[in-house]
């Protein structure tokens, strides 16, 4: 069963997103109200879709990662496959997030 894992370094981030399988990255901030609204949904999806990797990146603690992928609003969810960004969802939209997870699963 998948779970939502925090990534705390650039090296760890690149290792996970380059593994080849679908990875959903939740870029969030602790002070962000919309991020707190989405967190229970993201945790639920991480258990529901156990073949997908879910990681979360605190943009304040990991500014280098956030700026390198162009994060300007939170929450932003980036979809990676084989190390490449294939899509994103910005804001509180659990329906769209779930639809895209299903779309990109193998």
PDB file of N, CA and C in Angstrom:
ATOM      1  N   UNK A   1       0.835  -1.185   0.000  1.00  0.00           N
ATOM      2  CA  UNK A   1       0.000   0.000   0.000  1.00  0.00           C
ATOM      3  C   UNK A   1       0.879   1.248   0.000  1.00  0.00           C
ATOM      4  N   UNK A   2       0.594   2.156  -0.898  1.00  0.00           N
ATOM      5  CA  UNK A   2       1.356   3.391  -1.001  1.00  0.00           C
ATOM      6  C   UNK A   2       1.064   4.296   0.182  1.00  0.00           C
ATOM      7  N   UNK A   3       1.963   5.245   0.402  1.00  0.00           N
ATOM      8  CA  UNK A   3       1.722   6.267   1.411  1.00  0.00           C
ATOM      9  C   UNK A   3       2.387   7.550   0.968  1.00  0.00           C
ATOM     10  N   UNK A   4       1.989   8.617   1.596  1.00  0.00           N
ATOM     11  CA  UNK A   4       2.524   9.927   1.273  1.00  0.00           C
ATOM     12  C   UNK A   4       3.811  10.135   2.051  1.00  0.00           C
ATOM     13  N   UNK A   5       4.918  10.367   1.332  1.00  0.00           N
ATOM     14  CA  UNK A   5       6.234  10.468   1.951  1.00  0.00           C
ATOM     15  C   UNK A   5       6.796  11.870   1.742  1.00  0.00           C
ATOM     16  N   UNK A   6       7.326  12.456   2.806  1.00  0.00           N
ATOM     17  CA  UNK A   6       7.962  13.774   2.705  1.00  0.00           C
ATOM     18  C   UNK A   6       9.365  13.624   2.141  1.00  0.00           C
ATOM     19  N   UNK A   7       9.718  14.514   1.221  1.00  0.00           N
ATOM     20  CA  UNK A   7      11.055  14.549   0.634  1.00  0.00           C
ATOM     21  C   UNK A   7      11.734  15.821   1.134  1.00  0.00           C
ATOM     22  N   UNK A   8      12.952  15.671   1.629  1.00  0.00           N
ATOM     23  CA  UNK A   8      13.613  16.795   2.280  1.00  0.00           C
ATOM     24  C   UNK A   8      14.957  17.194   1.674  1.00  0.00           C
ATOM     25  N   UNK A   9      15.293  16.660   0.500  1.00  0.00           N
ATOM     26  CA  UNK A   9      16.540  17.066  -0.143  1.00  0.00           C
ATOM     27  C   UNK A   9      16.384  16.964  -1.655  1.00  0.00           C
ATOM     28  N   UNK A  10      17.193  17.745  -2.355  1.00  0.00           N
ATOM     29  CA  UNK A  10      17.183  17.727  -3.821  1.00  0.00           C
ATOM     30  C   UNK A  10      17.539  16.332  -4.327  1.00  0.00           C
ATOM     31  N   UNK A  11      18.532  15.709  -3.699  1.00  0.00           N
ATOM     32  CA  UNK A  11      18.972  14.372  -4.122  1.00  0.00           C
ATOM     33  C   UNK A  11      17.848  13.355  -3.985  1.00  0.00           C
ATOM     34  N   UNK A  12      17.175  13.384  -2.851  1.00  0.00           N
ATOM     35  CA  UNK A  12      16.070  12.452  -2.603  1.00  0.00           C
ATOM     36  C   UNK A  12      14.940  12.697  -3.605  1.00  0.00           C
ATOM     37  N   UNK A  13      14.625  13.950  -3.882  1.00  0.00           N
ATOM     38  CA  UNK A  13      13.583  14.300  -4.840  1.00  0.00           C
ATOM     39  C   UNK A  13      13.904  13.715  -6.217  1.00  0.00           C
ATOM     40  N   UNK A  14      15.121  13.964  -6.713  1.00  0.00           N
ATOM     41  CA  UNK A  14      15.499  13.462  -8.038  1.00  0.00           C
ATOM     42  C   UNK A  14      15.523  11.939  -8.083  1.00  0.00           C
ATOM     43  N   UNK A  15      15.954  11.312  -7.010  1.00  0.00           N
ATOM     44  CA  UNK A  15      15.968   9.847  -6.966  1.00  0.00           C
ATOM     45  C   UNK A  15      14.558   9.285  -7.147  1.00  0.00           C
ATOM     46  N   UNK A  16      13.591   9.852  -6.434  1.00  0.00           N
ATOM     47  CA  UNK A  16      12.219   9.341  -6.499  1.00  0.00           C
ATOM     48  C   UNK A  16      11.578   9.616  -7.857  1.00  0.00           C
ATOM     49  N   UNK A  17      11.675  10.847  -8.355  1.00  0.00           N
ATOM     50  CA  UNK A  17      10.975  11.161  -9.616  1.00  0.00           C
ATOM     51  C   UNK A  17      11.618  10.504 -10.828  1.00  0.00           C
ATOM     52  N   UNK A  18      12.857  10.047 -10.708  1.00  0.00           N
ATOM     53  CA  UNK A  18      13.527   9.398 -11.834  1.00  0.00           C
ATOM     54  C   UNK A  18      13.407   7.882 -11.840  1.00  0.00           C
ATOM     55  N   UNK A  19      12.609   7.323 -10.945  1.00  0.00           N
ATOM     56  CA  UNK A  19      12.507   5.865 -10.854  1.00  0.00           C
ATOM     57  C   UNK A  19      11.710   5.230 -11.987  1.00  0.00           C
ATOM     58  N   UNK A  20      10.954   6.018 -12.744  1.00  0.00           N
ATOM     59  CA  UNK A  20      10.274   5.458 -13.907  1.00  0.00           C
ATOM     60  C   UNK A  20       8.778   5.345 -13.769  1.00  0.00           C
ATOM     61  N   UNK A  21       8.296   5.035 -12.581  1.00  0.00           N
ATOM     62  CA  UNK A  21       6.861   4.879 -12.417  1.00  0.00           C
ATOM     63  C   UNK A  21       6.205   6.236 -12.193  1.00  0.00           C
ATOM     64  N   UNK A  22       4.861   6.245 -12.159  1.00  0.00           N
ATOM     65  CA  UNK A  22       4.130   7.484 -11.936  1.00  0.00           C
ATOM     66  C   UNK A  22       4.368   7.980 -10.510  1.00  0.00           C
ATOM     67  N   UNK A  23       4.754   9.257 -10.415  1.00  0.00           N
ATOM     68  CA  UNK A  23       4.970   9.906  -9.129  1.00  0.00           C
ATOM     69  C   UNK A  23       4.134  11.183  -9.106  1.00  0.00           C
ATOM     70  N   UNK A  24       3.347  11.352  -8.040  1.00  0.00           N
ATOM     71  CA  UNK A  24       2.583  12.581  -7.835  1.00  0.00           C
ATOM     72  C   UNK A  24       3.273  13.341  -6.714  1.00  0.00           C
ATOM     73  N   UNK A  25       3.686  14.580  -7.021  1.00  0.00           N
ATOM     74  CA  UNK A  25       4.393  15.413  -6.048  1.00  0.00           C
ATOM     75  C   UNK A  25       3.471  16.533  -5.590  1.00  0.00           C
ATOM     76  N   UNK A  26       3.235  16.594  -4.292  1.00  0.00           N
ATOM     77  CA  UNK A  26       2.418  17.636  -3.674  1.00  0.00           C
ATOM     78  C   UNK A  26       3.351  18.721  -3.145  1.00  0.00           C
ATOM     79  N   UNK A  27       3.369  19.872  -3.827  1.00  0.00           N
ATOM     80  CA  UNK A  27       4.140  21.021  -3.358  1.00  0.00           C
ATOM     81  C   UNK A  27       3.213  21.856  -2.485  1.00  0.00           C
ATOM     82  N   UNK A  28       3.578  22.016  -1.220  1.00  0.00           N
ATOM     83  CA  UNK A  28       2.696  22.649  -0.247  1.00  0.00           C
ATOM     84  C   UNK A  28       3.506  23.535   0.701  1.00  0.00           C
ATOM     85  N   UNK A  29       2.770  24.281   1.534  1.00  0.00           N
ATOM     86  CA  UNK A  29       3.383  25.046   2.618  1.00  0.00           C
ATOM     87  C   UNK A  29       2.529  24.834   3.872  1.00  0.00           C
ATOM     88  N   UNK A  30       3.187  24.771   5.016  1.00  0.00           N
ATOM     89  CA  UNK A  30       2.470  24.524   6.275  1.00  0.00           C
ATOM     90  C   UNK A  30       1.451  25.614   6.583  1.00  0.00           C
ATOM     91  N   UNK A  31       1.717  26.852   6.175  1.00  0.00           N
ATOM     92  CA  UNK A  31       0.844  27.982   6.456  1.00  0.00           C
ATOM     93  C   UNK A  31      -0.306  28.116   5.454  1.00  0.00           C
ATOM     94  N   UNK A  32      -0.310  27.287   4.426  1.00  0.00           N
ATOM     95  CA  UNK A  32      -1.257  27.398   3.307  1.00  0.00           C
ATOM     96  C   UNK A  32      -2.581  26.697   3.633  1.00  0.00           C
ATOM     97  N   UNK A  33      -3.654  27.490   3.784  1.00  0.00           N
ATOM     98  CA  UNK A  33      -4.972  26.930   4.082  1.00  0.00           C
ATOM     99  C   UNK A  33      -5.464  25.940   3.035  1.00  0.00           C
ATOM    100  N   UNK A  34      -5.411  26.284   1.729  1.00  0.00           N
ATOM    101  CA  UNK A  34      -5.835  25.336   0.700  1.00  0.00           C
ATOM    102  C   UNK A  34      -5.027  24.025   0.729  1.00  0.00           C
ATOM    103  N   UNK A  35      -3.750  24.129   1.084  1.00  0.00           N
ATOM    104  CA  UNK A  35      -2.915  22.920   1.182  1.00  0.00           C
ATOM    105  C   UNK A  35      -3.447  22.005   2.289  1.00  0.00           C
ATOM    106  N   UNK A  36      -3.828  22.614   3.403  1.00  0.00           N
ATOM    107  CA  UNK A  36      -4.364  21.824   4.519  1.00  0.00           C
ATOM    108  C   UNK A  36      -5.693  21.182   4.149  1.00  0.00           C
ATOM    109  N   UNK A  37      -6.480  21.854   3.307  1.00  0.00           N
ATOM    110  CA  UNK A  37      -7.737  21.277   2.837  1.00  0.00           C
ATOM    111  C   UNK A  37      -7.499  20.055   1.951  1.00  0.00           C
ATOM    112  N   UNK A  38      -6.460  20.097   1.139  1.00  0.00           N
ATOM    113  CA  UNK A  38      -6.184  19.000   0.201  1.00  0.00           C
ATOM    114  C   UNK A  38      -5.476  17.810   0.842  1.00  0.00           C
ATOM    115  N   UNK A  39      -4.749  18.032   1.935  1.00  0.00           N
ATOM    116  CA  UNK A  39      -3.921  16.962   2.504  1.00  0.00           C
ATOM    117  C   UNK A  39      -4.698  15.671   2.792  1.00  0.00           C
ATOM    118  N   UNK A  40      -5.899  15.724   3.410  1.00  0.00           N
ATOM    119  CA  UNK A  40      -6.621  14.457   3.636  1.00  0.00           C
ATOM    120  C   UNK A  40      -6.977  13.731   2.343  1.00  0.00           C
ATOM    121  N   UNK A  41      -7.297  14.484   1.297  1.00  0.00           N
ATOM    122  CA  UNK A  41      -7.606  13.863  -0.004  1.00  0.00           C
ATOM    123  C   UNK A  41      -6.357  13.202  -0.591  1.00  0.00           C
ATOM    124  N   UNK A  42      -5.241  13.881  -0.502  1.00  0.00           N
ATOM    125  CA  UNK A  42      -3.988  13.333  -1.038  1.00  0.00           C
ATOM    126  C   UNK A  42      -3.611  12.070  -0.276  1.00  0.00           C
ATOM    127  N   UNK A  43      -3.754  12.086   1.045  1.00  0.00           N
ATOM    128  CA  UNK A  43      -3.461  10.891   1.844  1.00  0.00           C
ATOM    129  C   UNK A  43      -4.388   9.740   1.451  1.00  0.00           C
ATOM    130  N   UNK A  44      -5.663  10.048   1.211  1.00  0.00           N
ATOM    131  CA  UNK A  44      -6.614   9.014   0.787  1.00  0.00           C
ATOM    132  C   UNK A  44      -6.215   8.445  -0.575  1.00  0.00           C
ATOM    133  N   UNK A  45      -5.886   9.330  -1.523  1.00  0.00           N
ATOM    134  CA  UNK A  45      -5.486   8.861  -2.851  1.00  0.00           C
ATOM    135  C   UNK A  45      -4.216   8.018  -2.781  1.00  0.00           C
ATOM    136  N   UNK A  46      -3.295   8.363  -1.885  1.00  0.00           N
ATOM    137  CA  UNK A  46      -2.037   7.609  -1.781  1.00  0.00           C
ATOM    138  C   UNK A  46      -2.292   6.178  -1.319  1.00  0.00           C
ATOM    139  N   UNK A  47      -3.367   5.976  -0.581  1.00  0.00           N
ATOM    140  CA  UNK A  47      -3.733   4.616  -0.158  1.00  0.00           C
ATOM    141  C   UNK A  47      -4.583   3.918  -1.210  1.00  0.00           C
ATOM    142  N   UNK A  48      -5.442   4.674  -1.870  1.00  0.00           N
ATOM    143  CA  UNK A  48      -6.343   4.125  -2.882  1.00  0.00           C
ATOM    144  C   UNK A  48      -5.591   3.655  -4.131  1.00  0.00           C
ATOM    145  N   UNK A  49      -4.597   4.433  -4.550  1.00  0.00           N
ATOM    146  CA  UNK A  49      -3.835   4.121  -5.769  1.00  0.00           C
ATOM    147  C   UNK A  49      -2.452   3.630  -5.369  1.00  0.00           C
ATOM    148  N   UNK A  50      -2.378   2.372  -4.966  1.00  0.00           N
ATOM    149  CA  UNK A  50      -1.153   1.847  -4.354  1.00  0.00           C
ATOM    150  C   UNK A  50      -0.020   1.568  -5.331  1.00  0.00           C
ATOM    151  N   UNK A  51      -0.266   1.718  -6.634  1.00  0.00           N
ATOM    152  CA  UNK A  51       0.829   1.544  -7.596  1.00  0.00           C
ATOM    153  C   UNK A  51       1.477   2.883  -7.963  1.00  0.00           C
ATOM    154  N   UNK A  52       0.960   3.970  -7.418  1.00  0.00           N
ATOM    155  CA  UNK A  52       1.471   5.309  -7.687  1.00  0.00           C
ATOM    156  C   UNK A  52       2.261   5.785  -6.469  1.00  0.00           C
ATOM    157  N   UNK A  53       3.393   6.428  -6.715  1.00  0.00           N
ATOM    158  CA  UNK A  53       4.168   7.016  -5.607  1.00  0.00           C
ATOM    159  C   UNK A  53       3.673   8.424  -5.354  1.00  0.00           C
ATOM    160  N   UNK A  54       3.509   8.758  -4.095  1.00  0.00           N
ATOM    161  CA  UNK A  54       3.090  10.094  -3.682  1.00  0.00           C
ATOM    162  C   UNK A  54       4.145  10.660  -2.760  1.00  0.00           C
ATOM    163  N   UNK A  55       4.646  11.850  -3.098  1.00  0.00           N
ATOM    164  CA  UNK A  55       5.590  12.513  -2.211  1.00  0.00           C
ATOM    165  C   UNK A  55       5.120  13.943  -1.986  1.00  0.00           C
ATOM    166  N   UNK A  56       5.533  14.510  -0.866  1.00  0.00           N
ATOM    167  CA  UNK A  56       5.193  15.898  -0.587  1.00  0.00           C
ATOM    168  C   UNK A  56       6.463  16.680  -0.336  1.00  0.00           C
ATOM    169  N   UNK A  57       6.454  17.934  -0.828  1.00  0.00           N
ATOM    170  CA  UNK A  57       7.609  18.811  -0.717  1.00  0.00           C
ATOM    171  C   UNK A  57       7.131  20.132  -0.104  1.00  0.00           C
ATOM    172  N   UNK A  58       7.643  20.443   1.080  1.00  0.00           N
ATOM    173  CA  UNK A  58       7.362  21.719   1.727  1.00  0.00           C
ATOM    174  C   UNK A  58       8.181  22.786   1.007  1.00  0.00           C
ATOM    175  N   UNK A  59       7.504  23.727   0.354  1.00  0.00           N
ATOM    176  CA  UNK A  59       8.210  24.708  -0.476  1.00  0.00           C
ATOM    177  C   UNK A  59       9.081  25.662   0.346  1.00  0.00           C
ATOM    178  N   UNK A  60       8.732  25.877   1.599  1.00  0.00           N
ATOM    179  CA  UNK A  60       9.542  26.761   2.443  1.00  0.00           C
ATOM    180  C   UNK A  60      10.833  26.084   2.901  1.00  0.00           C
ATOM    181  N   UNK A  61      10.775  24.786   3.122  1.00  0.00           N
ATOM    182  CA  UNK A  61      11.950  24.041   3.558  1.00  0.00           C
ATOM    183  C   UNK A  61      12.796  23.550   2.388  1.00  0.00           C
ATOM    184  N   UNK A  62      12.220  23.556   1.192  1.00  0.00           N
ATOM    185  CA  UNK A  62      12.901  23.038   0.002  1.00  0.00           C
ATOM    186  C   UNK A  62      12.738  24.004  -1.162  1.00  0.00           C
ATOM    187  N   UNK A  63      13.181  25.239  -0.956  1.00  0.00           N
ATOM    188  CA  UNK A  63      13.029  26.279  -1.975  1.00  0.00           C
ATOM    189  C   UNK A  63      13.734  25.926  -3.278  1.00  0.00           C
ATOM    190  N   UNK A  64      14.865  25.247  -3.189  1.00  0.00           N
ATOM    191  CA  UNK A  64      15.611  24.887  -4.396  1.00  0.00           C
ATOM    192  C   UNK A  64      14.787  23.974  -5.296  1.00  0.00           C
ATOM    193  N   UNK A  65      14.137  22.980  -4.697  1.00  0.00           N
ATOM    194  CA  UNK A  65      13.299  22.069  -5.488  1.00  0.00           C
ATOM    195  C   UNK A  65      12.136  22.840  -6.088  1.00  0.00           C
ATOM    196  N   UNK A  66      11.437  23.604  -5.259  1.00  0.00           N
ATOM    197  CA  UNK A  66      10.246  24.331  -5.714  1.00  0.00           C
ATOM    198  C   UNK A  66      10.576  25.293  -6.854  1.00  0.00           C
ATOM    199  N   UNK A  67      11.654  26.050  -6.716  1.00  0.00           N
ATOM    200  CA  UNK A  67      11.995  27.014  -7.767  1.00  0.00           C
ATOM    201  C   UNK A  67      12.471  26.317  -9.037  1.00  0.00           C
ATOM    202  N   UNK A  68      13.118  25.161  -8.901  1.00  0.00           N
ATOM    203  CA  UNK A  68      13.628  24.462 -10.080  1.00  0.00           C
ATOM    204  C   UNK A  68      12.518  23.922 -10.978  1.00  0.00           C
ATOM    205  N   UNK A  69      11.325  23.715 -10.418  1.00  0.00           N
ATOM    206  CA  UNK A  69      10.199  23.220 -11.222  1.00  0.00           C
ATOM    207  C   UNK A  69       9.107  24.271 -11.391  1.00  0.00           C
ATOM    208  N   UNK A  70       9.424  25.517 -11.019  1.00  0.00           N
ATOM    209  CA  UNK A  70       8.526  26.634 -11.302  1.00  0.00           C
ATOM    210  C   UNK A  70       7.282  26.725 -10.447  1.00  0.00           C
ATOM    211  N   UNK A  71       7.372  26.354  -9.186  1.00  0.00           N
ATOM    212  CA  UNK A  71       6.202  26.444  -8.309  1.00  0.00           C
ATOM    213  C   UNK A  71       5.962  27.907  -7.936  1.00  0.00           C
ATOM    214  N   UNK A  72       4.739  28.393  -8.209  1.00  0.00           N
ATOM    215  CA  UNK A  72       4.401  29.771  -7.868  1.00  0.00           C
ATOM    216  C   UNK A  72       3.114  29.862  -7.064  1.00  0.00           C
ATOM    217  N   UNK A  73       2.401  28.753  -6.925  1.00  0.00           N
ATOM    218  CA  UNK A  73       1.162  28.717  -6.147  1.00  0.00           C
ATOM    219  C   UNK A  73       1.078  27.373  -5.438  1.00  0.00           C
ATOM    220  N   UNK A  74       0.416  27.373  -4.290  1.00  0.00           N
ATOM    221  CA  UNK A  74       0.234  26.134  -3.551  1.00  0.00           C
ATOM    222  C   UNK A  74      -1.243  25.949  -3.230  1.00  0.00           C
ATOM    223  N   UNK A  75      -1.706  24.698  -3.226  1.00  0.00           N
ATOM    224  CA  UNK A  75      -0.910  23.526  -3.577  1.00  0.00           C
ATOM    225  C   UNK A  75      -0.763  23.373  -5.087  1.00  0.00           C
ATOM    226  N   UNK A  76       0.361  22.830  -5.490  1.00  0.00           N
ATOM    227  CA  UNK A  76       0.576  22.426  -6.877  1.00  0.00           C
ATOM    228  C   UNK A  76       0.969  20.959  -6.854  1.00  0.00           C
ATOM    229  N   UNK A  77       0.328  20.188  -7.709  1.00  0.00           N
ATOM    230  CA  UNK A  77       0.609  18.763  -7.835  1.00  0.00           C
ATOM    231  C   UNK A  77       1.228  18.530  -9.204  1.00  0.00           C
ATOM    232  N   UNK A  78       2.453  18.040  -9.209  1.00  0.00           N
ATOM    233  CA  UNK A  78       3.144  17.737 -10.468  1.00  0.00           C
ATOM    234  C   UNK A  78       3.170  16.223 -10.644  1.00  0.00           C
ATOM    235  N   UNK A  79       2.939  15.792 -11.863  1.00  0.00           N
ATOM    236  CA  UNK A  79       2.955  14.377 -12.224  1.00  0.00           C
ATOM    237  C   UNK A  79       4.235  14.094 -12.990  1.00  0.00           C
ATOM    238  N   UNK A  80       4.980  13.096 -12.519  1.00  0.00           N
ATOM    239  CA  UNK A  80       6.245  12.703 -13.151  1.00  0.00           C
ATOM    240  C   UNK A  80       6.150  11.257 -13.613  1.00  0.00           C
ATOM    241  N   UNK A  81       6.771  10.996 -14.750  1.00  0.00           N
ATOM    242  CA  UNK A  81       6.946   9.625 -15.229  1.00  0.00           C
ATOM    243  C   UNK A  81       8.303   9.577 -15.919  1.00  0.00           C
ATOM    244  N   UNK A  82       9.147   8.658 -15.477  1.00  0.00           N
ATOM    245  CA  UNK A  82      10.475   8.531 -16.066  1.00  0.00           C
ATOM    246  C   UNK A  82      11.319   9.786 -15.911  1.00  0.00           C
ATOM    247  N   UNK A  83      11.093  10.532 -14.841  1.00  0.00           N
ATOM    248  CA  UNK A  83      11.868  11.735 -14.582  1.00  0.00           C
ATOM    249  C   UNK A  83      11.351  12.991 -15.265  1.00  0.00           C
ATOM    250  N   UNK A  84      10.314  12.854 -16.070  1.00  0.00           N
ATOM    251  CA  UNK A  84       9.764  13.993 -16.805  1.00  0.00           C
ATOM    252  C   UNK A  84       8.435  14.447 -16.222  1.00  0.00           C
ATOM    253  N   UNK A  85       8.223  15.751 -16.179  1.00  0.00           N
ATOM    254  CA  UNK A  85       6.923  16.284 -15.772  1.00  0.00           C
ATOM    255  C   UNK A  85       5.956  16.045 -16.927  1.00  0.00           C
ATOM    256  N   UNK A  86       4.834  15.378 -16.628  1.00  0.00           N
ATOM    257  CA  UNK A  86       3.864  15.094 -17.679  1.00  0.00           C
ATOM    258  C   UNK A  86       2.575  15.890 -17.521  1.00  0.00           C
ATOM    259  N   UNK A  87       2.338  16.439 -16.329  1.00  0.00           N
ATOM    260  CA  UNK A  87       1.121  17.226 -16.119  1.00  0.00           C
ATOM    261  C   UNK A  87       1.178  17.875 -14.750  1.00  0.00           C
ATOM    262  N   UNK A  88       0.176  18.721 -14.458  1.00  0.00           N
ATOM    263  CA  UNK A  88       0.072  19.323 -13.138  1.00  0.00           C
ATOM    264  C   UNK A  88      -1.360  19.741 -12.854  1.00  0.00           C
ATOM    265  N   UNK A  89      -1.656  19.850 -11.579  1.00  0.00           N
ATOM    266  CA  UNK A  89      -2.928  20.390 -11.099  1.00  0.00           C
ATOM    267  C   UNK A  89      -2.559  21.452 -10.069  1.00  0.00           C
ATOM    268  N   UNK A  90      -3.137  22.648 -10.220  1.00  0.00           N
ATOM    269  CA  UNK A  90      -2.854  23.741  -9.294  1.00  0.00           C
ATOM    270  C   UNK A  90      -4.137  24.076  -8.542  1.00  0.00           C
ATOM    271  N   UNK A  91      -4.017  24.182  -7.213  1.00  0.00           N
ATOM    272  CA  UNK A  91      -5.148  24.592  -6.391  1.00  0.00           C
ATOM    273  C   UNK A  91      -5.916  23.422  -5.802  1.00  0.00           C
ATOM    274  N   UNK A  92      -7.038  23.765  -5.175  1.00  0.00           N
ATOM    275  CA  UNK A  92      -7.886  22.777  -4.508  1.00  0.00           C
ATOM    276  C   UNK A  92      -8.862  22.219  -5.536  1.00  0.00           C
ATOM    277  N   UNK A  93      -8.526  21.062  -6.085  1.00  0.00           N
ATOM    278  CA  UNK A  93      -9.373  20.425  -7.078  1.00  0.00           C
ATOM    279  C   UNK A  93      -9.190  18.903  -6.984  1.00  0.00           C
ATOM    280  N   UNK A  94      -9.751  18.286  -5.920  1.00  0.00           N
ATOM    281  CA  UNK A  94      -9.541  16.850  -5.745  1.00  0.00           C
ATOM    282  C   UNK A  94     -10.099  15.999  -6.881  1.00  0.00           C
ATOM    283  N   UNK A  95     -11.183  16.444  -7.506  1.00  0.00           N
ATOM    284  CA  UNK A  95     -11.752  15.691  -8.626  1.00  0.00           C
ATOM    285  C   UNK A  95     -10.797  15.623  -9.809  1.00  0.00           C
ATOM    286  N   UNK A  96     -10.214  16.768 -10.150  1.00  0.00           N
ATOM    287  CA  UNK A  96      -9.258  16.801 -11.260  1.00  0.00           C
ATOM    288  C   UNK A  96      -8.000  16.005 -10.917  1.00  0.00           C
ATOM    289  N   UNK A  97      -7.549  16.117  -9.671  1.00  0.00           N
ATOM    290  CA  UNK A  97      -6.367  15.365  -9.243  1.00  0.00           C
ATOM    291  C   UNK A  97      -6.601  13.865  -9.411  1.00  0.00           C
ATOM    292  N   UNK A  98      -7.742  13.381  -8.931  1.00  0.00           N
ATOM    293  CA  UNK A  98      -8.058  11.948  -9.033  1.00  0.00           C
ATOM    294  C   UNK A  98      -8.177  11.517 -10.495  1.00  0.00           C
ATOM    295  N   UNK A  99      -8.818  12.334 -11.319  1.00  0.00           N
ATOM    296  CA  UNK A  99      -8.973  12.009 -12.742  1.00  0.00           C
ATOM    297  C   UNK A  99      -7.617  11.850 -13.426  1.00  0.00           C
ATOM    298  N   UNK A 100      -6.693  12.756 -13.128  1.00  0.00           N
ATOM    299  CA  UNK A 100      -5.365  12.693 -13.757  1.00  0.00           C
ATOM    300  C   UNK A 100      -4.546  11.507 -13.225  1.00  0.00           C
ATOM    301  N   UNK A 101      -4.693  11.182 -11.951  1.00  0.00           N
ATOM    302  CA  UNK A 101      -4.005   9.998 -11.420  1.00  0.00           C
ATOM    303  C   UNK A 101      -4.452   8.761 -12.198  1.00  0.00           C
ATOM    304  N   UNK A 102      -5.744   8.619 -12.357  1.00  0.00           N
ATOM    305  CA  UNK A 102      -6.294   7.459 -13.085  1.00  0.00           C
ATOM    306  C   UNK A 102      -5.816   7.469 -14.534  1.00  0.00           C
ATOM    307  N   UNK A 103      -5.817   8.642 -15.154  1.00  0.00           N
ATOM    308  CA  UNK A 103      -5.399   8.771 -16.560  1.00  0.00           C
ATOM    309  C   UNK A 103      -3.958   8.312 -16.785  1.00  0.00           C
ATOM    310  N   UNK A 104      -3.061   8.623 -15.847  1.00  0.00           N
ATOM    311  CA  UNK A 104      -1.640   8.344 -16.052  1.00  0.00           C
ATOM    312  C   UNK A 104      -1.157   7.037 -15.429  1.00  0.00           C
ATOM    313  N   UNK A 105      -2.038   6.338 -14.723  1.00  0.00           N
ATOM    314  CA  UNK A 105      -1.630   5.038 -14.170  1.00  0.00           C
ATOM    315  C   UNK A 105      -1.412   4.048 -15.311  1.00  0.00           C
ATOM    316  N   UNK A 106      -0.487   3.119 -15.113  1.00  0.00           N
ATOM    317  CA  UNK A 106      -0.225   2.095 -16.154  1.00  0.00           C
ATOM    318  C   UNK A 106      -1.374   1.139 -16.285  1.00  0.00           C
TER     319      UNK A 106
END
